[in-house]
Amino acid sequence: MNRTITLFHAPQSRSGAARILLEELGVPYALESLNLKAGETRAPRYLATNPMGKVPAILVGQDAGDALVTEQAAIFIYLADLFPQAGLAPALDDPLRGPYLRWMAFYGACFEPALIDLAMKREPAPPSMCPYGDYDTMLSTLSAQLRPGPWMLGERFTALDVLWGYALGWTTAFKLVPELPEITGLVASLNARPSARRVAALDAELAAAQAA
């Protein structure tokens, strides 16, 4: 099957994780770069692709037609399943598949909403009305999963580790998440991978070009 992948990406943003994932998968992709500081993600041209005005987004062209995927966790699930030969997603009949999906969903459903509460210095909704609990419960639940290490699912490296290693990198940098050993350990392990080093260098060049 003929397949083309386009990543809509802004350097030094959440979409860096999707770029690392593509590098880990070892598949060719085209880059549609956007300048956050110039407001390009809010321009009509990009809003026609993603009305939410967020990156990342991917457009996957196939013989049967194009598939547009937005939302970080959805992109990760889609791409890791699309290229099973890379081994970054447990198969449907693998006992790790359930935990894998759990922590994919936890990222957008619990982690980021709780971070916003902290960043905005606001109290979470009452437990009966709050779908993600509260920041402290979220963090303790996440930390307990990370503590055994070395990866999110133990000994096996998966797309989860790209998602969470990247997210915990920028959230610890912004002091939204404490630098607990289990957290900094995952961040360091991801950053040491060739894919992450390559993307860091490429994004630094792209950010400098956009600033020029």
N, C-alpha and C. Protein backbone atom coordinates (compact mmCIF):
# COMPACT_ATOMS: atom_id res chain seq x y z
N MET A 1 0.84 -1.20 0.00
CA MET A 1 0.00 0.00 0.00
C MET A 1 0.88 1.25 0.00
N ASN A 2 0.59 2.18 -0.91
CA ASN A 2 1.28 3.46 -0.90
C ASN A 2 0.79 4.30 0.27
N ARG A 3 1.73 4.91 0.98
CA ARG A 3 1.35 5.66 2.18
C ARG A 3 2.28 6.85 2.33
N THR A 4 1.71 8.02 2.58
CA THR A 4 2.50 9.21 2.86
C THR A 4 2.04 9.80 4.19
N ILE A 5 2.98 10.30 4.95
CA ILE A 5 2.67 10.87 6.27
C ILE A 5 3.15 12.30 6.31
N THR A 6 2.27 13.20 6.69
CA THR A 6 2.62 14.60 6.91
C THR A 6 2.39 14.94 8.37
N LEU A 7 3.41 15.47 9.01
CA LEU A 7 3.29 15.91 10.40
C LEU A 7 3.20 17.43 10.43
N PHE A 8 2.12 17.95 11.00
CA PHE A 8 1.99 19.39 11.24
C PHE A 8 2.63 19.66 12.59
N HIS A 9 3.66 20.49 12.58
CA HIS A 9 4.58 20.53 13.72
C HIS A 9 5.09 21.94 13.97
N ALA A 10 5.19 22.27 15.24
CA ALA A 10 5.84 23.51 15.66
C ALA A 10 7.01 23.13 16.56
N PRO A 11 8.19 23.69 16.34
CA PRO A 11 9.33 23.32 17.18
C PRO A 11 9.12 23.77 18.62
N GLN A 12 9.71 23.00 19.53
CA GLN A 12 9.65 23.31 20.96
C GLN A 12 8.20 23.40 21.44
N SER A 13 7.40 22.44 21.00
CA SER A 13 6.01 22.33 21.43
C SER A 13 5.70 20.86 21.67
N ARG A 14 4.45 20.57 22.05
CA ARG A 14 4.05 19.19 22.29
C ARG A 14 4.27 18.30 21.07
N SER A 15 4.24 18.88 19.89
CA SER A 15 4.36 18.05 18.69
C SER A 15 5.75 17.45 18.54
N GLY A 16 6.71 17.91 19.33
CA GLY A 16 8.02 17.28 19.32
C GLY A 16 7.95 15.81 19.64
N ALA A 17 7.03 15.43 20.51
CA ALA A 17 6.88 14.01 20.87
C ALA A 17 6.46 13.19 19.66
N ALA A 18 5.53 13.73 18.86
CA ALA A 18 5.09 13.00 17.66
C ALA A 18 6.23 12.87 16.66
N ARG A 19 7.07 13.87 16.59
CA ARG A 19 8.22 13.78 15.67
C ARG A 19 9.21 12.72 16.14
N ILE A 20 9.43 12.65 17.45
CA ILE A 20 10.31 11.59 17.99
C ILE A 20 9.71 10.22 17.69
N LEU A 21 8.40 10.09 17.85
CA LEU A 21 7.76 8.81 17.56
C LEU A 21 7.99 8.40 16.11
N LEU A 22 7.83 9.32 15.18
CA LEU A 22 8.05 9.01 13.78
C LEU A 22 9.50 8.58 13.54
N GLU A 23 10.42 9.22 14.22
CA GLU A 23 11.82 8.82 14.10
C GLU A 23 12.04 7.43 14.67
N GLU A 24 11.39 7.13 15.78
CA GLU A 24 11.49 5.79 16.37
C GLU A 24 10.91 4.73 15.44
N LEU A 25 9.83 5.07 14.78
CA LEU A 25 9.21 4.13 13.85
C LEU A 25 10.06 3.89 12.61
N GLY A 26 10.93 4.85 12.31
CA GLY A 26 11.82 4.70 11.18
C GLY A 26 11.13 4.80 9.83
N VAL A 27 10.07 5.62 9.77
CA VAL A 27 9.32 5.75 8.52
C VAL A 27 9.50 7.16 7.96
N PRO A 28 9.47 7.31 6.64
CA PRO A 28 9.60 8.65 6.05
C PRO A 28 8.35 9.49 6.32
N TYR A 29 8.55 10.77 6.49
CA TYR A 29 7.43 11.68 6.70
C TYR A 29 7.80 13.06 6.18
N ALA A 30 6.76 13.79 5.80
CA ALA A 30 6.95 15.19 5.41
C ALA A 30 6.60 16.07 6.59
N LEU A 31 7.29 17.19 6.69
CA LEU A 31 7.07 18.12 7.81
C LEU A 31 6.40 19.38 7.30
N GLU A 32 5.27 19.70 7.90
CA GLU A 32 4.59 20.97 7.63
C GLU A 32 4.82 21.82 8.87
N SER A 33 5.81 22.71 8.81
CA SER A 33 6.20 23.45 10.01
C SER A 33 5.32 24.68 10.19
N LEU A 34 5.04 24.97 11.45
CA LEU A 34 4.20 26.10 11.83
C LEU A 34 4.93 26.92 12.88
N ASN A 35 4.76 28.21 12.82
CA ASN A 35 5.41 29.13 13.75
C ASN A 35 4.40 29.57 14.79
N LEU A 36 4.56 29.07 16.02
CA LEU A 36 3.62 29.42 17.09
C LEU A 36 3.65 30.91 17.39
N LYS A 37 4.85 31.49 17.44
CA LYS A 37 4.96 32.90 17.81
C LYS A 37 4.34 33.81 16.76
N ALA A 38 4.29 33.35 15.52
CA ALA A 38 3.66 34.13 14.45
C ALA A 38 2.17 33.85 14.34
N GLY A 39 1.65 32.99 15.22
CA GLY A 39 0.22 32.69 15.22
C GLY A 39 -0.25 31.81 14.08
N GLU A 40 0.67 31.04 13.49
CA GLU A 40 0.28 30.27 12.31
C GLU A 40 -0.67 29.13 12.62
N THR A 41 -0.68 28.64 13.86
CA THR A 41 -1.63 27.57 14.18
C THR A 41 -3.06 28.10 14.30
N ARG A 42 -3.21 29.43 14.36
CA ARG A 42 -4.55 30.04 14.46
C ARG A 42 -4.96 30.68 13.14
N ALA A 43 -4.14 30.54 12.14
CA ALA A 43 -4.46 31.12 10.83
C ALA A 43 -5.47 30.23 10.11
N PRO A 44 -6.31 30.81 9.24
CA PRO A 44 -7.34 30.03 8.54
C PRO A 44 -6.79 28.80 7.82
N ARG A 45 -5.60 28.92 7.26
CA ARG A 45 -5.03 27.79 6.51
C ARG A 45 -4.88 26.56 7.39
N TYR A 46 -4.36 26.75 8.61
CA TYR A 46 -4.20 25.59 9.49
C TYR A 46 -5.50 25.20 10.17
N LEU A 47 -6.35 26.17 10.48
CA LEU A 47 -7.64 25.85 11.10
C LEU A 47 -8.50 24.97 10.20
N ALA A 48 -8.26 25.04 8.90
CA ALA A 48 -8.97 24.15 7.98
C ALA A 48 -8.53 22.70 8.19
N THR A 49 -7.32 22.52 8.71
CA THR A 49 -6.83 21.18 9.02
C THR A 49 -7.26 20.76 10.41
N ASN A 50 -7.01 21.61 11.39
CA ASN A 50 -7.40 21.32 12.78
C ASN A 50 -8.08 22.55 13.36
N PRO A 51 -9.41 22.54 13.43
CA PRO A 51 -10.14 23.71 13.95
C PRO A 51 -9.76 24.09 15.38
N MET A 52 -9.14 23.16 16.12
CA MET A 52 -8.71 23.48 17.48
C MET A 52 -7.46 24.35 17.49
N GLY A 53 -6.79 24.46 16.35
CA GLY A 53 -5.60 25.29 16.28
C GLY A 53 -4.43 24.77 17.10
N LYS A 54 -4.32 23.45 17.20
CA LYS A 54 -3.26 22.84 18.01
C LYS A 54 -2.39 21.95 17.14
N VAL A 55 -1.16 21.79 17.58
CA VAL A 55 -0.29 20.75 17.02
C VAL A 55 0.01 19.76 18.14
N PRO A 56 0.29 18.50 17.77
CA PRO A 56 0.47 17.99 16.42
C PRO A 56 -0.84 17.59 15.76
N ALA A 57 -0.74 17.41 14.45
CA ALA A 57 -1.76 16.73 13.66
C ALA A 57 -1.01 15.95 12.60
N ILE A 58 -1.58 14.87 12.15
CA ILE A 58 -0.96 14.12 11.06
C ILE A 58 -1.99 13.87 9.98
N LEU A 59 -1.52 13.88 8.75
CA LEU A 59 -2.33 13.51 7.60
C LEU A 59 -1.66 12.31 6.96
N VAL A 60 -2.38 11.20 6.95
CA VAL A 60 -1.85 9.96 6.40
C VAL A 60 -2.59 9.67 5.11
N GLY A 61 -1.87 9.75 4.01
CA GLY A 61 -2.45 9.46 2.71
C GLY A 61 -2.24 8.01 2.34
N GLN A 62 -3.31 7.34 1.96
CA GLN A 62 -3.24 5.95 1.56
C GLN A 62 -4.01 5.76 0.27
N ASP A 63 -3.88 4.59 -0.32
CA ASP A 63 -4.59 4.31 -1.57
C ASP A 63 -6.09 4.50 -1.41
N ALA A 64 -6.59 4.18 -0.21
CA ALA A 64 -8.03 4.25 0.02
C ALA A 64 -8.50 5.64 0.41
N GLY A 65 -7.58 6.59 0.57
CA GLY A 65 -7.96 7.94 0.95
C GLY A 65 -7.11 8.45 2.10
N ASP A 66 -7.34 9.70 2.48
CA ASP A 66 -6.55 10.34 3.53
C ASP A 66 -7.20 10.16 4.90
N ALA A 67 -6.34 10.04 5.92
CA ALA A 67 -6.81 9.99 7.31
C ALA A 67 -6.15 11.14 8.06
N LEU A 68 -6.96 12.04 8.59
CA LEU A 68 -6.46 13.12 9.42
C LEU A 68 -6.65 12.73 10.88
N VAL A 69 -5.57 12.81 11.65
CA VAL A 69 -5.63 12.45 13.06
C VAL A 69 -5.08 13.61 13.88
N THR A 70 -5.85 14.04 14.87
CA THR A 70 -5.39 15.05 15.83
C THR A 70 -5.46 14.43 17.22
N GLU A 71 -5.02 15.15 18.20
CA GLU A 71 -4.96 14.75 19.61
C GLU A 71 -3.77 13.79 19.80
N GLN A 72 -2.92 14.19 20.72
CA GLN A 72 -1.64 13.51 20.92
C GLN A 72 -1.79 11.99 21.11
N ALA A 73 -2.64 11.58 22.04
CA ALA A 73 -2.77 10.15 22.31
C ALA A 73 -3.30 9.40 21.10
N ALA A 74 -4.26 9.98 20.39
CA ALA A 74 -4.82 9.33 19.20
C ALA A 74 -3.74 9.16 18.13
N ILE A 75 -2.91 10.16 17.96
CA ILE A 75 -1.82 10.09 16.98
C ILE A 75 -0.85 8.96 17.34
N PHE A 76 -0.53 8.85 18.61
CA PHE A 76 0.40 7.82 19.06
C PHE A 76 -0.18 6.42 18.86
N ILE A 77 -1.43 6.24 19.24
CA ILE A 77 -2.06 4.93 19.06
C ILE A 77 -2.11 4.57 17.58
N TYR A 78 -2.53 5.52 16.76
CA TYR A 78 -2.69 5.28 15.34
C TYR A 78 -1.36 4.91 14.68
N LEU A 79 -0.33 5.71 14.91
CA LEU A 79 0.94 5.47 14.24
C LEU A 79 1.62 4.19 14.72
N ALA A 80 1.61 3.94 16.02
CA ALA A 80 2.27 2.73 16.52
C ALA A 80 1.57 1.48 16.02
N ASP A 81 0.24 1.53 15.86
CA ASP A 81 -0.49 0.38 15.31
C ASP A 81 -0.30 0.27 13.80
N LEU A 82 -0.10 1.42 13.12
CA LEU A 82 0.04 1.41 11.67
C LEU A 82 1.35 0.75 11.24
N PHE A 83 2.34 0.79 12.12
CA PHE A 83 3.65 0.21 11.81
C PHE A 83 4.03 -0.81 12.89
N PRO A 84 3.32 -1.94 12.94
CA PRO A 84 3.56 -2.92 14.01
C PRO A 84 4.95 -3.51 13.99
N GLN A 85 5.62 -3.46 12.83
CA GLN A 85 6.96 -4.04 12.72
C GLN A 85 7.96 -3.33 13.64
N ALA A 86 7.66 -2.10 14.05
CA ALA A 86 8.55 -1.36 14.95
C ALA A 86 8.45 -1.85 16.39
N GLY A 87 7.36 -2.55 16.72
CA GLY A 87 7.21 -3.12 18.05
C GLY A 87 6.94 -2.11 19.15
N LEU A 88 6.38 -0.95 18.80
CA LEU A 88 6.17 0.09 19.81
C LEU A 88 4.78 0.06 20.44
N ALA A 89 3.94 -0.90 20.04
CA ALA A 89 2.61 -1.04 20.63
C ALA A 89 2.33 -2.51 20.87
N PRO A 90 1.89 -2.87 22.07
CA PRO A 90 1.49 -4.26 22.30
C PRO A 90 0.33 -4.65 21.39
N ALA A 91 0.35 -5.87 20.92
CA ALA A 91 -0.73 -6.36 20.05
C ALA A 91 -2.03 -6.48 20.84
N LEU A 92 -3.14 -6.61 20.12
CA LEU A 92 -4.45 -6.67 20.76
C LEU A 92 -4.56 -7.81 21.76
N ASP A 93 -3.88 -8.91 21.49
CA ASP A 93 -3.98 -10.07 22.38
C ASP A 93 -2.85 -10.13 23.41
N ASP A 94 -2.05 -9.07 23.48
CA ASP A 94 -0.95 -9.00 24.44
C ASP A 94 -1.52 -8.50 25.78
N PRO A 95 -1.17 -9.15 26.91
CA PRO A 95 -1.66 -8.67 28.21
C PRO A 95 -1.30 -7.22 28.51
N LEU A 96 -0.26 -6.71 27.87
CA LEU A 96 0.14 -5.32 28.10
C LEU A 96 -0.72 -4.32 27.32
N ARG A 97 -1.57 -4.83 26.42
CA ARG A 97 -2.37 -3.90 25.60
C ARG A 97 -3.29 -3.04 26.47
N GLY A 98 -3.94 -3.63 27.45
CA GLY A 98 -4.83 -2.87 28.32
C GLY A 98 -4.11 -1.77 29.08
N PRO A 99 -3.02 -2.10 29.80
CA PRO A 99 -2.25 -1.04 30.47
C PRO A 99 -1.72 0.01 29.51
N TYR A 100 -1.31 -0.40 28.33
CA TYR A 100 -0.83 0.53 27.30
C TYR A 100 -1.90 1.56 26.96
N LEU A 101 -3.12 1.09 26.69
CA LEU A 101 -4.21 2.01 26.36
C LEU A 101 -4.60 2.86 27.56
N ARG A 102 -4.55 2.25 28.75
CA ARG A 102 -4.88 3.01 29.96
C ARG A 102 -4.00 4.26 30.08
N TRP A 103 -2.69 4.08 29.89
CA TRP A 103 -1.78 5.20 30.10
C TRP A 103 -1.75 6.16 28.91
N MET A 104 -2.15 5.70 27.76
CA MET A 104 -2.38 6.61 26.64
C MET A 104 -3.55 7.54 26.97
N ALA A 105 -4.64 6.96 27.44
CA ALA A 105 -5.83 7.75 27.75
C ALA A 105 -5.59 8.66 28.96
N PHE A 106 -4.83 8.19 29.93
CA PHE A 106 -4.57 8.94 31.15
C PHE A 106 -3.91 10.28 30.86
N TYR A 107 -3.08 10.30 29.81
CA TYR A 107 -2.36 11.53 29.48
C TYR A 107 -3.31 12.70 29.23
N GLY A 108 -4.27 12.51 28.34
CA GLY A 108 -5.18 13.60 28.01
C GLY A 108 -6.36 13.72 28.95
N ALA A 109 -6.77 12.60 29.55
CA ALA A 109 -7.97 12.62 30.38
C ALA A 109 -7.71 13.07 31.81
N CYS A 110 -6.51 12.83 32.31
CA CYS A 110 -6.21 13.14 33.71
C CYS A 110 -4.99 14.06 33.89
N PHE A 111 -3.90 13.73 33.20
CA PHE A 111 -2.65 14.46 33.42
C PHE A 111 -2.76 15.93 33.03
N GLU A 112 -3.11 16.21 31.79
CA GLU A 112 -3.13 17.61 31.36
C GLU A 112 -4.21 18.44 32.05
N PRO A 113 -5.44 17.94 32.25
CA PRO A 113 -6.41 18.75 33.00
C PRO A 113 -5.94 19.09 34.41
N ALA A 114 -5.31 18.13 35.09
CA ALA A 114 -4.82 18.41 36.44
C ALA A 114 -3.69 19.43 36.42
N LEU A 115 -2.84 19.38 35.37
CA LEU A 115 -1.78 20.38 35.24
C LEU A 115 -2.34 21.78 35.10
N ILE A 116 -3.41 21.90 34.34
CA ILE A 116 -4.02 23.22 34.13
C ILE A 116 -4.56 23.77 35.44
N ASP A 117 -5.16 22.91 36.24
CA ASP A 117 -5.61 23.36 37.56
C ASP A 117 -4.44 23.94 38.35
N LEU A 118 -3.31 23.24 38.33
CA LEU A 118 -2.15 23.70 39.09
C LEU A 118 -1.61 25.01 38.51
N ALA A 119 -1.46 25.05 37.19
CA ALA A 119 -0.90 26.24 36.55
C ALA A 119 -1.78 27.48 36.76
N MET A 120 -3.09 27.28 36.76
CA MET A 120 -4.03 28.38 36.93
C MET A 120 -4.35 28.68 38.39
N LYS A 121 -3.74 27.86 39.28
CA LYS A 121 -3.95 28.03 40.73
C LYS A 121 -5.44 27.98 41.09
N ARG A 122 -6.12 27.00 40.52
CA ARG A 122 -7.54 26.86 40.81
C ARG A 122 -7.82 25.50 41.42
N GLU A 123 -8.86 25.45 42.20
CA GLU A 123 -9.25 24.20 42.83
C GLU A 123 -9.97 23.32 41.81
N PRO A 124 -9.76 22.00 41.89
CA PRO A 124 -10.51 21.11 41.00
C PRO A 124 -11.98 21.10 41.38
N ALA A 125 -12.80 20.62 40.47
CA ALA A 125 -14.22 20.49 40.76
C ALA A 125 -14.43 19.47 41.87
N PRO A 126 -15.59 19.49 42.53
CA PRO A 126 -15.87 18.46 43.53
C PRO A 126 -15.72 17.06 42.94
N PRO A 127 -15.27 16.08 43.75
CA PRO A 127 -15.02 14.73 43.22
C PRO A 127 -16.16 14.15 42.40
N SER A 128 -17.38 14.43 42.80
CA SER A 128 -18.52 13.86 42.07
C SER A 128 -18.71 14.48 40.69
N MET A 129 -18.06 15.63 40.46
CA MET A 129 -18.22 16.34 39.19
C MET A 129 -16.93 16.38 38.37
N CYS A 130 -15.85 15.82 38.91
CA CYS A 130 -14.54 15.95 38.26
C CYS A 130 -14.12 14.61 37.66
N PRO A 131 -14.00 14.51 36.34
CA PRO A 131 -13.68 13.23 35.72
C PRO A 131 -12.23 12.81 35.88
N TYR A 132 -11.35 13.70 36.35
CA TYR A 132 -9.93 13.35 36.43
C TYR A 132 -9.38 13.40 37.84
N GLY A 133 -10.23 13.52 38.85
CA GLY A 133 -9.76 13.54 40.22
C GLY A 133 -9.11 14.87 40.56
N ASP A 134 -7.91 14.84 41.11
CA ASP A 134 -7.19 16.06 41.47
C ASP A 134 -5.71 15.86 41.20
N TYR A 135 -4.96 16.93 41.26
CA TYR A 135 -3.55 16.89 40.89
C TYR A 135 -2.76 15.89 41.73
N ASP A 136 -2.92 15.94 43.05
CA ASP A 136 -2.13 15.07 43.92
C ASP A 136 -2.41 13.60 43.65
N THR A 137 -3.67 13.26 43.45
CA THR A 137 -4.01 11.87 43.16
C THR A 137 -3.47 11.45 41.81
N MET A 138 -3.58 12.34 40.84
CA MET A 138 -3.03 12.06 39.51
C MET A 138 -1.53 11.78 39.60
N LEU A 139 -0.80 12.65 40.31
CA LEU A 139 0.65 12.52 40.37
C LEU A 139 1.07 11.25 41.11
N SER A 140 0.40 10.94 42.20
CA SER A 140 0.77 9.74 42.94
C SER A 140 0.47 8.48 42.14
N THR A 141 -0.62 8.50 41.37
CA THR A 141 -0.96 7.35 40.52
C THR A 141 0.08 7.16 39.43
N LEU A 142 0.46 8.26 38.79
CA LEU A 142 1.48 8.22 37.74
C LEU A 142 2.82 7.77 38.30
N SER A 143 3.22 8.33 39.43
CA SER A 143 4.52 8.01 40.01
C SER A 143 4.62 6.53 40.38
N ALA A 144 3.51 5.97 40.88
CA ALA A 144 3.51 4.55 41.24
C ALA A 144 3.73 3.68 40.01
N GLN A 145 3.20 4.10 38.87
CA GLN A 145 3.40 3.33 37.64
C GLN A 145 4.84 3.42 37.16
N LEU A 146 5.45 4.59 37.31
CA LEU A 146 6.81 4.81 36.83
C LEU A 146 7.87 4.17 37.72
N ARG A 147 7.59 4.02 39.00
CA ARG A 147 8.62 3.69 39.97
C ARG A 147 9.37 2.39 39.67
N PRO A 148 8.70 1.31 39.28
CA PRO A 148 9.46 0.07 39.02
C PRO A 148 10.46 0.22 37.88
N GLY A 149 10.11 1.03 36.84
CA GLY A 149 11.01 1.29 35.71
C GLY A 149 11.39 0.02 34.96
N PRO A 150 12.28 0.14 33.99
CA PRO A 150 12.84 1.42 33.53
C PRO A 150 11.89 2.20 32.62
N TRP A 151 10.85 1.51 32.09
CA TRP A 151 9.90 2.15 31.18
C TRP A 151 8.50 2.10 31.79
N MET A 152 7.57 2.73 31.12
CA MET A 152 6.19 2.80 31.64
C MET A 152 5.60 1.42 31.90
N LEU A 153 5.89 0.48 31.02
CA LEU A 153 5.35 -0.87 31.15
C LEU A 153 6.40 -1.87 31.61
N GLY A 154 7.40 -1.37 32.32
CA GLY A 154 8.43 -2.26 32.84
C GLY A 154 9.62 -2.34 31.90
N GLU A 155 9.97 -3.54 31.48
CA GLU A 155 11.16 -3.74 30.67
C GLU A 155 10.96 -3.38 29.20
N ARG A 156 9.71 -3.26 28.76
CA ARG A 156 9.46 -3.05 27.34
C ARG A 156 9.30 -1.57 27.00
N PHE A 157 10.09 -1.09 26.06
CA PHE A 157 9.96 0.27 25.55
C PHE A 157 8.82 0.32 24.54
N THR A 158 7.92 1.28 24.70
CA THR A 158 6.79 1.44 23.79
C THR A 158 6.59 2.92 23.46
N ALA A 159 5.61 3.18 22.62
CA ALA A 159 5.25 4.55 22.28
C ALA A 159 4.87 5.35 23.52
N LEU A 160 4.40 4.69 24.55
CA LEU A 160 4.07 5.39 25.80
C LEU A 160 5.26 6.18 26.33
N ASP A 161 6.43 5.60 26.22
CA ASP A 161 7.62 6.23 26.80
C ASP A 161 8.03 7.49 26.07
N VAL A 162 7.72 7.53 24.78
CA VAL A 162 7.95 8.76 24.02
C VAL A 162 6.96 9.83 24.47
N LEU A 163 5.69 9.45 24.55
CA LEU A 163 4.65 10.40 24.97
C LEU A 163 4.94 10.96 26.36
N TRP A 164 5.15 10.08 27.31
CA TRP A 164 5.32 10.52 28.70
C TRP A 164 6.70 11.09 28.98
N GLY A 165 7.74 10.53 28.38
CA GLY A 165 9.07 11.08 28.60
C GLY A 165 9.18 12.51 28.11
N TYR A 166 8.57 12.78 26.96
CA TYR A 166 8.60 14.14 26.42
C TYR A 166 7.75 15.08 27.28
N ALA A 167 6.55 14.63 27.63
CA ALA A 167 5.64 15.47 28.42
C ALA A 167 6.24 15.79 29.79
N LEU A 168 6.84 14.80 30.42
CA LEU A 168 7.42 15.04 31.73
C LEU A 168 8.68 15.90 31.64
N GLY A 169 9.32 15.89 30.48
CA GLY A 169 10.46 16.78 30.29
C GLY A 169 10.06 18.24 30.35
N TRP A 170 9.03 18.62 29.58
CA TRP A 170 8.67 20.04 29.59
C TRP A 170 7.90 20.43 30.85
N THR A 171 7.17 19.50 31.45
CA THR A 171 6.42 19.87 32.66
C THR A 171 7.33 20.01 33.88
N THR A 172 8.41 19.22 33.93
CA THR A 172 9.37 19.45 35.02
C THR A 172 10.14 20.74 34.78
N ALA A 173 10.44 21.04 33.52
CA ALA A 173 11.16 22.28 33.21
C ALA A 173 10.36 23.51 33.63
N PHE A 174 9.03 23.42 33.50
CA PHE A 174 8.16 24.53 33.88
C PHE A 174 7.67 24.43 35.32
N LYS A 175 8.25 23.49 36.08
CA LYS A 175 7.93 23.32 37.50
C LYS A 175 6.46 22.97 37.74
N LEU A 176 5.86 22.31 36.77
CA LEU A 176 4.48 21.84 36.94
C LEU A 176 4.44 20.43 37.51
N VAL A 177 5.56 19.74 37.43
CA VAL A 177 5.70 18.39 37.96
C VAL A 177 7.01 18.34 38.73
N PRO A 178 7.02 17.75 39.92
CA PRO A 178 8.26 17.70 40.70
C PRO A 178 9.28 16.75 40.08
N GLU A 179 10.54 17.02 40.33
CA GLU A 179 11.62 16.21 39.75
C GLU A 179 11.88 14.98 40.64
N LEU A 180 10.90 14.11 40.70
CA LEU A 180 11.05 12.86 41.44
C LEU A 180 11.98 11.93 40.66
N PRO A 181 12.69 11.05 41.34
CA PRO A 181 13.64 10.18 40.63
C PRO A 181 13.00 9.35 39.52
N GLU A 182 11.81 8.84 39.76
CA GLU A 182 11.16 8.02 38.74
C GLU A 182 10.75 8.84 37.52
N ILE A 183 10.51 10.13 37.72
CA ILE A 183 10.13 11.02 36.62
C ILE A 183 11.36 11.45 35.84
N THR A 184 12.37 11.94 36.53
CA THR A 184 13.59 12.37 35.84
C THR A 184 14.29 11.19 35.18
N GLY A 185 14.13 9.99 35.75
CA GLY A 185 14.73 8.81 35.14
C GLY A 185 14.15 8.52 33.77
N LEU A 186 12.82 8.61 33.64
CA LEU A 186 12.19 8.37 32.34
C LEU A 186 12.58 9.46 31.34
N VAL A 187 12.60 10.70 31.79
CA VAL A 187 12.97 11.81 30.91
C VAL A 187 14.40 11.61 30.39
N ALA A 188 15.32 11.26 31.28
CA ALA A 188 16.71 11.08 30.87
C ALA A 188 16.85 9.90 29.91
N SER A 189 16.11 8.83 30.16
CA SER A 189 16.19 7.65 29.30
C SER A 189 15.69 7.97 27.89
N LEU A 190 14.60 8.73 27.80
CA LEU A 190 14.11 9.12 26.48
C LEU A 190 15.11 10.05 25.79
N ASN A 191 15.59 11.05 26.51
CA ASN A 191 16.49 12.03 25.91
C ASN A 191 17.80 11.42 25.43
N ALA A 192 18.15 10.27 25.98
CA ALA A 192 19.39 9.61 25.57
C ALA A 192 19.25 8.83 24.28
N ARG A 193 18.02 8.62 23.82
CA ARG A 193 17.81 7.83 22.61
C ARG A 193 18.19 8.65 21.37
N PRO A 194 18.74 8.00 20.35
CA PRO A 194 19.13 8.72 19.13
C PRO A 194 17.99 9.51 18.51
N SER A 195 16.77 8.97 18.56
CA SER A 195 15.63 9.68 17.97
C SER A 195 15.39 11.02 18.65
N ALA A 196 15.46 11.05 19.97
CA ALA A 196 15.22 12.28 20.72
C ALA A 196 16.34 13.29 20.49
N ARG A 197 17.57 12.81 20.45
CA ARG A 197 18.70 13.72 20.20
C ARG A 197 18.60 14.31 18.79
N ARG A 198 18.20 13.49 17.85
CA ARG A 198 18.07 13.97 16.46
C ARG A 198 16.98 15.04 16.36
N VAL A 199 15.84 14.79 16.98
CA VAL A 199 14.74 15.76 16.92
C VAL A 199 15.11 17.03 17.65
N ALA A 200 15.80 16.93 18.77
CA ALA A 200 16.21 18.14 19.50
C ALA A 200 17.08 19.03 18.62
N ALA A 201 18.00 18.41 17.88
CA ALA A 201 18.88 19.19 17.01
C ALA A 201 18.10 19.79 15.84
N LEU A 202 17.24 19.00 15.23
CA LEU A 202 16.45 19.50 14.09
C LEU A 202 15.51 20.61 14.52
N ASP A 203 14.90 20.46 15.69
CA ASP A 203 13.96 21.49 16.15
C ASP A 203 14.68 22.77 16.56
N ALA A 204 15.89 22.63 17.08
CA ALA A 204 16.67 23.84 17.41
C ALA A 204 16.97 24.63 16.14
N GLU A 205 17.32 23.92 15.08
CA GLU A 205 17.56 24.59 13.79
C GLU A 205 16.29 25.24 13.26
N LEU A 206 15.17 24.53 13.35
CA LEU A 206 13.90 25.05 12.86
C LEU A 206 13.46 26.27 13.67
N ALA A 207 13.59 26.21 14.97
CA ALA A 207 13.22 27.35 15.81
C ALA A 207 14.09 28.57 15.50
N ALA A 208 15.38 28.34 15.27
CA ALA A 208 16.27 29.46 14.94
C ALA A 208 15.89 30.07 13.59
N ALA A 209 15.53 29.24 12.63
CA ALA A 209 15.13 29.74 11.32
C ALA A 209 13.83 30.55 11.42
N GLN A 210 12.91 30.08 12.25
CA GLN A 210 11.65 30.82 12.42
C GLN A 210 11.86 32.14 13.12
N ALA A 211 12.83 32.19 14.02
CA ALA A 211 13.09 33.42 14.76
C ALA A 211 13.85 34.45 13.93
N ALA A 212 14.52 33.98 12.89
CA ALA A 212 15.36 34.89 12.08
C ALA A 212 14.50 35.87 11.28
